Amino acid sequence: MRERVLATLRTLLAVIGALPAAVLAGIALALFVPAAEDVRLAIGFGATVPLWVAAASLVFLDARVWRAALALTVSTAALALAIGARP
C-alpha cells in the first residue's frame, strides 16, 4: 500500500509539480537572453515544454519524493526571485 501511495505522489509531483518551475525557467529565458524581443519570446516559449519534460523525468526518477519536491520548490523560488528582482 505504501509503495502505491509513493508511486502516485511521485507521478503527481513529476507531472504537476514540475510545470511551475518549467514555466518560470521559460520566463527567465525570455527576460534575460540578450537578443531581440521576438527572438527572446520564441526561445522562452519554445524551451518551456522541453524543460517541463526534463524536470518531470528527473523528478520521476528520484528515489525519494520529498527530495524531489524540495528541489522543485527551491528551484521555483530561486527563479521567482530572479524574475522579481529584475529592474
C-alpha atoms as a PDB file:
ATOM      1  CA  MET A   1       0.000   0.000   0.000  1.00  0.00           C
ATOM      2  CA  ARG A   2       2.804   2.431   0.878  1.00  0.00           C
ATOM      3  CA  GLU A   3       4.531   1.790  -2.451  1.00  0.00           C
ATOM      4  CA  ARG A   4       1.343   2.661  -4.343  1.00  0.00           C
ATOM      5  CA  VAL A   5       0.960   5.918  -2.470  1.00  0.00           C
ATOM      6  CA  LEU A   6       4.590   6.847  -3.111  1.00  0.00           C
ATOM      7  CA  ALA A   7       4.281   5.963  -6.785  1.00  0.00           C
ATOM      8  CA  THR A   8       1.159   8.122  -7.068  1.00  0.00           C
ATOM      9  CA  LEU A   9       2.848  11.019  -5.283  1.00  0.00           C
ATOM     10  CA  ARG A  10       5.918  10.713  -7.485  1.00  0.00           C
ATOM     11  CA  THR A  11       3.776  10.762 -10.632  1.00  0.00           C
ATOM     12  CA  LEU A  12       1.721  13.741  -9.490  1.00  0.00           C
ATOM     13  CA  LEU A  13       4.820  15.650  -8.468  1.00  0.00           C
ATOM     14  CA  ALA A  14       6.505  14.892 -11.777  1.00  0.00           C
ATOM     15  CA  VAL A  15       3.569  15.966 -13.938  1.00  0.00           C
ATOM     16  CA  ILE A  16       2.077  18.842 -11.944  1.00  0.00           C
ATOM     17  CA  GLY A  17       4.937  19.955  -9.734  1.00  0.00           C
ATOM     18  CA  ALA A  18       7.466  20.410 -12.499  1.00  0.00           C
ATOM     19  CA  LEU A  19       5.221  22.736 -14.517  1.00  0.00           C
ATOM     20  CA  PRO A  20       5.697  25.936 -12.447  1.00  0.00           C
ATOM     21  CA  ALA A  21       9.466  25.513 -12.468  1.00  0.00           C
ATOM     22  CA  ALA A  22       9.476  24.988 -16.240  1.00  0.00           C
ATOM     23  CA  VAL A  23       7.225  27.989 -16.879  1.00  0.00           C
ATOM     24  CA  LEU A  24       9.356  30.231 -14.675  1.00  0.00           C
ATOM     25  CA  ALA A  25      12.509  28.971 -16.405  1.00  0.00           C
ATOM     26  CA  GLY A  26      10.950  29.829 -19.763  1.00  0.00           C
ATOM     27  CA  ILE A  27      10.053  33.294 -18.493  1.00  0.00           C
ATOM     28  CA  ALA A  28      13.583  33.766 -17.179  1.00  0.00           C
ATOM     29  CA  LEU A  29      14.978  32.780 -20.573  1.00  0.00           C
ATOM     30  CA  ALA A  30      12.631  35.210 -22.296  1.00  0.00           C
ATOM     31  CA  LEU A  31      13.706  38.009 -19.971  1.00  0.00           C
ATOM     32  CA  PHE A  32      17.448  37.512 -19.729  1.00  0.00           C
ATOM     33  CA  VAL A  33      18.598  36.278 -23.159  1.00  0.00           C
ATOM     34  CA  PRO A  34      20.399  39.130 -24.939  1.00  0.00           C
ATOM     35  CA  ALA A  35      18.505  39.166 -28.230  1.00  0.00           C
ATOM     36  CA  ALA A  36      15.633  40.929 -29.945  1.00  0.00           C
ATOM     37  CA  GLU A  37      12.260  40.748 -28.207  1.00  0.00           C
ATOM     38  CA  ASP A  38      10.627  38.391 -30.699  1.00  0.00           C
ATOM     39  CA  VAL A  39      13.601  36.017 -30.552  1.00  0.00           C
ATOM     40  CA  ARG A  40      13.574  36.056 -26.742  1.00  0.00           C
ATOM     41  CA  LEU A  41       9.862  35.257 -26.668  1.00  0.00           C
ATOM     42  CA  ALA A  42      10.313  32.395 -29.118  1.00  0.00           C
ATOM     43  CA  ILE A  43      13.192  30.974 -27.081  1.00  0.00           C
ATOM     44  CA  GLY A  44      11.301  31.253 -23.802  1.00  0.00           C
ATOM     45  CA  PHE A  45       8.099  29.792 -25.195  1.00  0.00           C
ATOM     46  CA  GLY A  46       9.873  27.061 -27.132  1.00  0.00           C
ATOM     47  CA  ALA A  47      12.000  25.984 -24.181  1.00  0.00           C
ATOM     48  CA  THR A  48       9.126  25.631 -21.713  1.00  0.00           C
ATOM     49  CA  VAL A  49       7.869  22.221 -22.840  1.00  0.00           C
ATOM     50  CA  PRO A  50      11.320  20.571 -23.108  1.00  0.00           C
ATOM     51  CA  LEU A  51      12.208  21.980 -19.689  1.00  0.00           C
ATOM     52  CA  TRP A  52       8.952  20.594 -18.300  1.00  0.00           C
ATOM     53  CA  VAL A  53       9.665  17.143 -19.738  1.00  0.00           C
ATOM     54  CA  ALA A  54      13.238  17.179 -18.419  1.00  0.00           C
ATOM     55  CA  ALA A  55      12.169  18.294 -14.934  1.00  0.00           C
ATOM     56  CA  ALA A  56       9.356  15.734 -14.838  1.00  0.00           C
ATOM     57  CA  SER A  57      11.755  12.976 -15.868  1.00  0.00           C
ATOM     58  CA  LEU A  58      14.297  13.925 -13.214  1.00  0.00           C
ATOM     59  CA  VAL A  59      11.639  14.148 -10.523  1.00  0.00           C
ATOM     60  CA  PHE A  60      10.094  10.829 -11.507  1.00  0.00           C
ATOM     61  CA  LEU A  61      13.466   9.079 -11.437  1.00  0.00           C
ATOM     62  CA  ASP A  62      14.384  10.386  -7.980  1.00  0.00           C
ATOM     63  CA  ALA A  63      14.259   7.692  -5.310  1.00  0.00           C
ATOM     64  CA  ARG A  64      12.820   9.947  -2.604  1.00  0.00           C
ATOM     65  CA  VAL A  65       9.700  12.003  -3.249  1.00  0.00           C
ATOM     66  CA  TRP A  66      10.459  14.574  -0.556  1.00  0.00           C
ATOM     67  CA  ARG A  67      13.885  15.310  -2.042  1.00  0.00           C
ATOM     68  CA  ALA A  68      12.389  15.894  -5.470  1.00  0.00           C
ATOM     69  CA  ALA A  69       9.688  18.145  -4.020  1.00  0.00           C
ATOM     70  CA  LEU A  70      12.315  20.133  -2.127  1.00  0.00           C
ATOM     71  CA  ALA A  71      14.448  20.532  -5.255  1.00  0.00           C
ATOM     72  CA  LEU A  72      11.453  21.751  -7.253  1.00  0.00           C
ATOM     73  CA  THR A  73      10.452  24.175  -4.509  1.00  0.00           C
ATOM     74  CA  VAL A  74      13.936  25.643  -4.207  1.00  0.00           C
ATOM     75  CA  SER A  75      14.380  25.994  -7.966  1.00  0.00           C
ATOM     76  CA  THR A  76      10.942  27.572  -8.397  1.00  0.00           C
ATOM     77  CA  ALA A  77      11.612  30.022  -5.569  1.00  0.00           C
ATOM     78  CA  ALA A  78      15.021  30.941  -6.970  1.00  0.00           C
ATOM     79  CA  LEU A  79      13.567  31.550 -10.430  1.00  0.00           C
ATOM     80  CA  ALA A  80      10.710  33.630  -8.996  1.00  0.00           C
ATOM     81  CA  LEU A  81      13.169  35.733  -7.004  1.00  0.00           C
ATOM     82  CA  ALA A  82      15.378  36.237 -10.073  1.00  0.00           C
ATOM     83  CA  ILE A  83      12.419  37.322 -12.162  1.00  0.00           C
ATOM     84  CA  GLY A  84      11.055  39.541  -9.407  1.00  0.00           C
ATOM     85  CA  ALA A  85      14.405  41.245  -8.817  1.00  0.00           C
ATOM     86  CA  ARG A  86      14.728  42.255 -12.471  1.00  0.00           C
ATOM     87  CA  PRO A  87      14.766  46.050 -12.839  1.00  0.00           C
END
